[in-house]
Protein backbone atom coordinates (compact mmCIF):
# COMPACT_ATOMS: atom_id res chain seq x y z
CA MET A 1 0.00 0.00 0.00
CA SER A 2 1.37 3.37 -0.96
CA PRO A 3 0.22 6.93 -1.68
CA GLY A 4 -1.62 6.90 -4.98
CA ALA A 5 -1.47 8.92 -8.13
CA PRO A 6 -4.15 11.56 -8.74
CA ALA A 7 -7.52 9.99 -8.14
CA GLY A 8 -8.98 11.20 -11.39
CA ALA A 9 -6.67 8.92 -13.32
CA ARG A 10 -7.87 5.83 -11.48
CA THR A 11 -10.89 3.56 -11.26
CA ARG A 12 -13.66 3.86 -8.67
CA PRO A 13 -12.15 3.64 -5.17
CA THR A 14 -13.26 1.52 -2.24
CA PHE A 15 -13.72 3.05 1.19
CA GLY A 16 -12.77 1.35 4.44
CA VAL A 17 -13.74 2.61 7.90
CA ASP A 18 -12.39 1.31 11.21
CA ILE A 19 -14.30 2.07 14.42
CA GLY A 20 -11.79 2.29 17.26
CA GLY A 21 -12.06 3.15 20.92
CA THR A 22 -10.91 6.74 20.38
CA LYS A 23 -11.31 7.42 16.65
CA VAL A 24 -13.23 6.41 13.57
CA LEU A 25 -10.66 6.22 10.77
CA GLY A 26 -11.49 5.98 7.09
CA VAL A 27 -9.40 5.43 3.97
CA ALA A 28 -10.07 5.43 0.24
CA LEU A 29 -8.13 2.82 -1.72
CA ASP A 30 -7.59 2.50 -5.43
CA ALA A 31 -7.85 -0.81 -7.26
CA ASP A 32 -4.17 -1.58 -6.61
CA GLY A 33 -4.41 -0.75 -2.92
CA SER A 34 -2.92 2.72 -3.16
CA LEU A 35 -4.05 5.19 -0.54
CA LEU A 36 -6.05 8.02 -2.11
CA ALA A 37 -7.50 9.78 0.93
CA GLU A 38 -7.85 9.51 4.70
CA ALA A 39 -10.30 11.01 7.21
CA ARG A 40 -11.04 10.60 10.88
CA VAL A 41 -13.37 11.78 13.64
CA ALA A 42 -13.48 11.08 17.37
CA THR A 43 -15.42 8.00 18.39
CA PRO A 44 -18.64 9.06 20.14
CA HIS A 45 -19.38 7.39 23.47
CA VAL A 46 -22.67 7.54 25.35
CA ALA A 47 -22.90 6.40 28.96
CA THR A 48 -25.16 3.44 29.62
CA GLY A 49 -28.72 4.70 30.11
CA ALA A 50 -27.84 8.18 28.82
CA GLY A 51 -28.95 9.91 25.66
CA PRO A 52 -32.28 11.33 24.51
CA ALA A 53 -35.58 9.51 24.84
CA GLY A 54 -36.06 7.12 21.95
CA ARG A 55 -32.33 6.98 21.25
CA VAL A 56 -31.41 4.22 18.81
CA VAL A 57 -28.51 2.12 20.12
CA GLY A 58 -25.39 2.68 18.05
CA SER A 59 -26.79 5.66 16.15
CA GLU A 60 -23.99 7.98 17.25
CA VAL A 61 -21.33 5.59 16.00
CA ALA A 62 -23.20 5.01 12.74
CA HIS A 63 -23.41 8.76 12.16
CA ALA A 64 -19.65 9.03 12.78
CA VAL A 65 -19.06 6.38 10.09
CA ALA A 66 -21.33 8.26 7.68
CA GLU A 67 -19.46 11.50 8.43
CA VAL A 68 -16.12 9.88 7.63
CA VAL A 69 -17.52 8.46 4.39
CA GLY A 70 -18.80 11.92 3.48
CA ARG A 71 -15.38 13.44 4.12
CA LEU A 72 -13.71 10.84 1.93
CA HIS A 73 -16.17 11.55 -0.88
CA ALA A 74 -15.39 15.26 -0.58
CA MET A 75 -11.67 14.60 -1.03
CA LEU A 76 -12.11 12.75 -4.33
CA PRO A 77 -13.60 13.65 -7.70
CA PRO A 78 -17.19 12.47 -8.29
CA SER A 79 -17.33 8.79 -9.24
CA ALA A 80 -18.17 7.79 -12.77
CA GLY A 81 -21.94 7.84 -13.29
CA GLY A 82 -22.44 8.99 -9.70
CA THR A 83 -22.21 5.42 -8.39
CA PRO A 84 -21.29 5.47 -4.68
CA ALA A 85 -18.00 3.84 -3.72
CA PRO A 86 -18.38 0.52 -1.86
CA VAL A 87 -17.79 0.88 1.87
CA GLY A 88 -16.34 -1.66 4.29
CA VAL A 89 -16.74 -1.03 8.02
CA GLY A 90 -14.75 -2.70 10.79
CA VAL A 91 -16.47 -2.80 14.18
CA PRO A 92 -15.15 -4.02 17.56
CA GLY A 93 -16.86 -6.90 19.30
CA MET A 94 -19.22 -9.76 18.55
CA LEU A 95 -20.68 -8.99 15.13
CA ASP A 96 -23.07 -11.62 13.80
CA HIS A 97 -23.58 -12.66 10.20
CA GLU A 98 -26.57 -10.28 9.86
CA GLY A 99 -24.53 -7.22 10.81
CA VAL A 100 -25.82 -6.90 14.39
CA LEU A 101 -23.18 -5.97 16.96
CA ARG A 102 -24.40 -8.39 19.61
CA TYR A 103 -21.89 -7.32 22.27
CA ALA A 104 -19.06 -4.78 22.35
CA PRO A 105 -17.55 -4.56 25.86
CA ASN A 106 -15.17 -1.77 24.83
CA LEU A 107 -17.84 0.19 22.91
CA LEU A 108 -20.89 -0.26 25.11
CA SER A 109 -22.79 2.65 23.56
CA ALA A 110 -23.08 0.57 20.36
CA SER A 111 -23.49 -2.83 21.99
CA GLY A 112 -26.59 -4.47 20.51
CA ALA A 113 -26.75 -2.11 17.53
CA ASP A 114 -28.10 -3.21 14.16
CA MET A 115 -25.11 -1.72 12.36
CA SER A 116 -26.25 -3.04 9.01
CA GLY A 117 -29.66 -1.42 9.30
CA LEU A 118 -28.29 1.86 10.66
CA LEU A 119 -25.75 2.27 7.89
CA GLU A 120 -28.22 1.25 5.22
CA GLY A 121 -30.38 4.16 6.32
CA LEU A 122 -27.51 6.65 6.53
CA LEU A 123 -25.75 5.59 3.30
CA PRO A 124 -28.61 4.88 0.88
CA ALA A 125 -27.72 3.19 -2.40
CA THR A 126 -24.21 2.55 -1.05
CA PRO A 127 -22.92 -1.04 -1.01
CA VAL A 128 -21.81 -1.64 2.60
CA VAL A 129 -19.99 -4.66 4.05
CA ILE A 130 -19.54 -4.91 7.83
CA GLU A 131 -16.87 -7.03 9.51
CA ASN A 132 -15.16 -7.38 12.88
CA ASP A 133 -12.30 -4.86 13.11
CA ALA A 134 -9.54 -7.35 13.94
CA ASN A 135 -10.68 -9.59 11.09
CA CYS A 136 -10.23 -6.57 8.84
CA ALA A 137 -6.75 -5.97 10.22
CA VAL A 138 -5.52 -9.51 9.53
CA VAL A 139 -6.91 -9.33 5.99
CA ALA A 140 -4.91 -6.14 5.42
CA GLU A 141 -1.69 -7.55 6.88
CA HIS A 142 -2.12 -10.67 4.72
CA ALA A 143 -2.53 -8.58 1.57
CA PHE A 144 -0.02 -5.79 2.15
CA GLY A 145 1.81 -6.26 5.43
CA ALA A 146 3.59 -8.60 7.82
CA ALA A 147 1.54 -11.71 6.91
CA ARG A 148 2.27 -11.68 3.18
CA GLY A 149 3.18 -15.19 2.06
CA PHE A 150 1.51 -16.91 5.04
CA ASP A 151 -1.93 -18.51 4.90
CA ASP A 152 -2.31 -19.71 8.50
CA VAL A 153 -2.11 -16.60 10.64
CA VAL A 154 -3.38 -15.30 13.96
CA MET A 155 -3.34 -11.56 14.51
CA ALA A 156 -3.70 -10.12 18.00
CA THR A 157 -4.44 -6.41 18.18
CA LEU A 158 -3.11 -5.22 21.53
CA GLY A 159 -4.92 -1.96 22.21
CA THR A 160 -7.47 -0.89 24.81
CA GLY A 161 -8.46 -4.55 24.82
CA ILE A 162 -7.35 -7.41 22.58
CA GLY A 163 -8.99 -8.23 19.28
CA GLY A 164 -8.17 -11.21 17.12
CA GLY A 165 -8.30 -12.20 13.49
CA ILE A 166 -7.64 -15.73 12.25
CA LEU A 167 -6.77 -16.91 8.75
CA LEU A 168 -6.65 -20.63 8.02
CA GLY A 169 -5.73 -21.82 4.56
CA GLY A 170 -5.86 -18.19 3.47
CA SER A 171 -9.52 -17.83 4.45
CA LEU A 172 -10.90 -15.73 7.27
CA VAL A 173 -12.41 -17.74 10.12
CA GLY A 174 -15.78 -16.32 11.15
CA GLY A 175 -17.32 -19.24 13.02
CA GLY A 176 -20.88 -20.47 13.13
CA HIS A 177 -22.28 -17.14 14.33
CA GLY A 178 -19.57 -14.71 13.22
CA PHE A 179 -17.92 -14.44 16.64
CA ALA A 180 -14.63 -16.29 16.02
CA GLY A 181 -11.52 -14.39 17.01
CA GLU A 182 -12.68 -12.92 20.34
CA ILE A 183 -9.33 -14.04 21.72
CA GLY A 184 -9.00 -11.25 24.28
CA HIS A 185 -11.68 -12.93 26.35
CA MET A 186 -9.93 -16.23 26.87
CA VAL A 187 -9.78 -16.57 30.64
CA VAL A 188 -6.20 -16.98 31.81
CA ASP A 189 -6.83 -16.43 35.54
CA PRO A 190 -10.35 -17.12 36.91
CA ALA A 191 -9.46 -15.17 40.06
CA GLY A 192 -8.05 -12.23 38.08
CA PRO A 193 -9.32 -8.67 37.74
CA PRO A 194 -12.82 -7.96 36.40
CA CYS A 195 -13.17 -7.47 32.64
CA PRO A 196 -15.69 -5.16 30.90
CA CYS A 197 -17.17 -8.31 29.33
CA GLY A 198 -18.43 -9.38 32.78
CA SER A 199 -15.93 -12.18 33.34
CA ARG A 200 -12.72 -12.16 35.37
CA GLY A 201 -9.10 -12.72 34.41
CA CYS A 202 -9.54 -12.39 30.64
CA TRP A 203 -6.33 -12.34 28.64
CA GLU A 204 -6.84 -8.71 27.71
CA ARG A 205 -6.77 -7.70 31.38
CA TYR A 206 -3.08 -8.72 31.36
CA ALA A 207 -1.75 -8.34 27.82
CA SER A 208 -3.47 -5.19 26.47
CA GLY A 209 -2.70 -1.52 26.92
CA GLY A 210 -4.92 -1.63 30.00
CA GLY A 211 -2.97 -4.65 31.23
CA LEU A 212 0.32 -2.79 30.82
CA GLY A 213 -1.12 0.12 32.78
CA ARG A 214 -2.16 -2.22 35.60
CA LEU A 215 1.27 -3.90 35.74
CA ALA A 216 2.94 -0.49 35.68
CA LEU A 217 0.76 0.87 38.49
CA GLU A 218 1.56 -2.12 40.69
CA ALA A 219 5.30 -1.70 40.06
CA ALA A 220 5.14 2.06 40.61
CA LEU A 221 3.32 1.73 43.93
CA ALA A 222 5.97 -0.79 44.99
CA GLY A 223 8.67 1.81 44.28
CA HIS A 224 10.21 0.03 41.29
CA LEU A 225 9.58 2.65 38.58
CA VAL A 226 11.19 5.89 39.72
CA GLU A 227 11.88 7.20 36.21
CA VAL A 228 8.44 6.18 34.97
CA VAL A 229 6.78 7.98 37.89
CA GLU A 230 8.78 11.11 37.03
CA LEU A 231 7.44 10.92 33.47
CA ALA A 232 3.93 10.73 34.95
CA GLY A 233 4.47 13.98 36.86
CA GLY A 234 5.60 12.37 40.10
CA ASP A 235 2.30 10.65 40.86
CA PRO A 236 2.37 6.81 40.83
CA GLU A 237 -1.40 6.77 40.36
CA ALA A 238 -0.93 8.70 37.08
CA VAL A 239 1.40 6.11 35.55
CA ARG A 240 0.18 4.85 32.18
CA GLY A 241 1.45 2.33 29.67
CA GLU A 242 2.89 5.03 27.40
CA HIS A 243 5.13 6.20 30.25
CA VAL A 244 6.51 2.68 30.60
CA THR A 245 7.17 2.35 26.88
CA ARG A 246 8.92 5.73 26.74
CA ALA A 247 11.13 4.96 29.73
CA ALA A 248 11.95 1.51 28.35
CA LEU A 249 13.00 3.03 25.02
CA GLU A 250 15.32 5.30 27.01
CA GLY A 251 16.86 2.24 28.69
CA ASP A 252 15.21 2.30 32.12
CA PRO A 253 15.65 -1.21 33.61
CA GLY A 254 12.48 -1.04 35.71
CA ALA A 255 10.34 -0.19 32.70
CA ARG A 256 11.98 -2.96 30.69
CA ALA A 257 11.21 -5.42 33.47
CA VAL A 258 7.51 -4.48 33.24
CA LEU A 259 7.57 -5.06 29.48
CA GLU A 260 9.28 -8.40 30.12
CA GLU A 261 6.36 -9.37 32.36
CA LEU A 262 3.89 -8.11 29.79
CA GLY A 263 5.62 -10.24 27.15
CA TRP A 264 5.08 -13.32 29.33
CA TRP A 265 1.35 -12.63 29.45
CA VAL A 266 1.20 -12.05 25.71
CA ALA A 267 3.06 -15.33 25.15
CA LEU A 268 0.68 -17.20 27.46
CA GLY A 269 -2.25 -16.28 25.26
CA LEU A 270 -0.36 -17.04 22.07
CA SER A 271 0.65 -20.46 23.35
CA ASN A 272 -2.99 -21.28 24.11
CA LEU A 273 -3.96 -20.20 20.60
CA ALA A 274 -1.16 -22.28 19.08
CA ALA A 275 -2.56 -25.37 20.78
CA VAL A 276 -5.92 -24.79 19.08
CA VAL A 277 -5.07 -23.18 15.73
CA ASP A 278 -1.42 -24.12 14.99
CA PRO A 279 -0.61 -21.02 12.91
CA GLU A 280 2.51 -20.39 10.89
CA LEU A 281 2.69 -16.83 12.11
CA PHE A 282 1.47 -14.53 14.88
CA VAL A 283 1.13 -10.84 14.04
CA LEU A 284 0.96 -8.33 16.89
CA GLY A 285 -0.84 -5.09 16.12
CA GLY A 286 -2.44 -2.27 18.07
CA GLY A 287 -0.82 0.48 20.09
CA LEU A 288 1.33 -1.84 22.23
CA ALA A 289 3.08 -3.18 19.13
CA GLU A 290 4.75 0.22 18.81
CA ALA A 291 7.13 -0.96 21.55
CA GLY A 292 8.69 -3.21 18.89
CA ASP A 293 11.45 -5.51 20.08
CA LEU A 294 10.99 -4.38 23.67
CA LEU A 295 7.78 -6.39 23.60
CA VAL A 296 8.38 -8.88 20.81
CA LEU A 297 11.68 -10.31 22.11
CA PRO A 298 10.42 -11.18 25.62
CA THR A 299 7.24 -12.54 24.05
CA ARG A 300 9.25 -14.85 21.81
CA ARG A 301 11.40 -16.04 24.72
CA ALA A 302 8.40 -16.78 26.92
CA TYR A 303 6.45 -18.39 24.09
CA ALA A 304 9.23 -20.93 23.54
CA THR A 305 8.87 -22.09 27.15
CA LEU A 306 5.07 -22.04 27.29
CA VAL A 307 3.91 -23.59 24.02
CA GLU A 308 3.32 -27.33 23.96
CA GLY A 309 6.35 -29.17 22.54
CA GLY A 310 8.20 -25.91 22.09
CA ASP A 311 11.54 -27.60 21.36
CA ARG A 312 9.99 -30.14 18.96
CA ARG A 313 7.51 -28.19 16.86
CA PRO A 314 8.49 -26.09 13.84
CA PRO A 315 9.23 -22.47 14.74
CA VAL A 316 6.37 -19.99 14.57
CA GLY A 317 7.11 -16.36 13.80
CA ILE A 318 5.95 -13.61 16.17
CA VAL A 319 6.18 -10.30 14.35
CA VAL A 320 4.88 -6.74 14.54
CA ALA A 321 2.17 -5.59 12.14
CA GLU A 322 3.38 -3.30 9.36
CA LEU A 323 0.32 -1.20 8.52
CA GLY A 324 -0.09 0.51 11.87
CA GLU A 325 -3.33 2.30 12.69
CA ARG A 326 -4.61 2.01 9.11
CA ALA A 327 -4.73 -1.80 9.10
CA GLY A 328 -8.38 -2.09 10.14
CA ALA A 329 -9.60 0.50 7.64
CA VAL A 330 -7.53 -0.95 4.80
CA GLY A 331 -8.80 -4.45 5.56
CA ALA A 332 -12.39 -3.19 5.69
CA ALA A 333 -11.97 -1.74 2.21
CA LEU A 334 -10.54 -5.03 0.96
CA ARG A 335 -13.42 -7.00 2.49
CA ALA A 336 -15.93 -4.74 0.75
CA ARG A 337 -14.14 -5.03 -2.57
CA ARG A 338 -13.96 -8.81 -2.44
CA ALA A 339 -17.51 -9.31 -1.19
CA LEU A 340 -18.98 -7.07 -3.87
CA ALA A 341 -16.75 -8.16 -6.76
């Protein structure tokens, strides 16, 4: 994927929109995958039970998607014959085959939303394909990024929570109801901290950005992260994952020890997935992947000790995603293009 030539010289684009915890990001791709335009708005959140009388669940998020699509249209010349560009939309959580977001623990204001129906009303005459956001990300990495050349891949997006996308034999695994890939909610400690999903000790409570923040807070309160606390303004309670990553990049041993522990938790989840799926490759995406080798190297070391038959099975790569924050949007565009071809 690369910046494209002038849009007027190209065929009708495909739009992809990724709904994240903080932003709704959209891209326009040409037929060869070149990036033609990009737009974003803040993700709207509504507290449970809030909003006007008669509020339709998920309507705020759907309007944000429509706004991003409108911005992308405004950046490009009118399409030939006025035909709307196909739109792919990546959403977080348990999306069923009918386009209903049955449950979204990290986007509760849209949990239960009929995303298909909402977007059909807001984008009339527009072909729309809706998919889980992490599924979109693995499709993008398979086409243009770190998973090129591999057909059995698990992608774990380590962000606010953990999303997952699984390719087997080059095909996306959706499951009987569309919910496959909710890997962040594997329980790794039944007595662990509460999860927004209602369970306890889910993998994402330990191996996500929130998990890093929890590990960092515990270490800071124990007096082990002096430099990290300084970056947080001197208040241990204000320590966040980004402070740990920054200090680790600057060589702070305490911060690196926290990332070492985080890598163990990431590897624990990956080893469980390997026992079930047996992939050729794991791809780590999301904000935590920006730590690069500071996270990947301890994850690889721990994985080798945790996975069944680690010294007897063929090696499995654990690599960082290449497409960054655009992966979900790019994959959504690809899903729309392929579904509507």
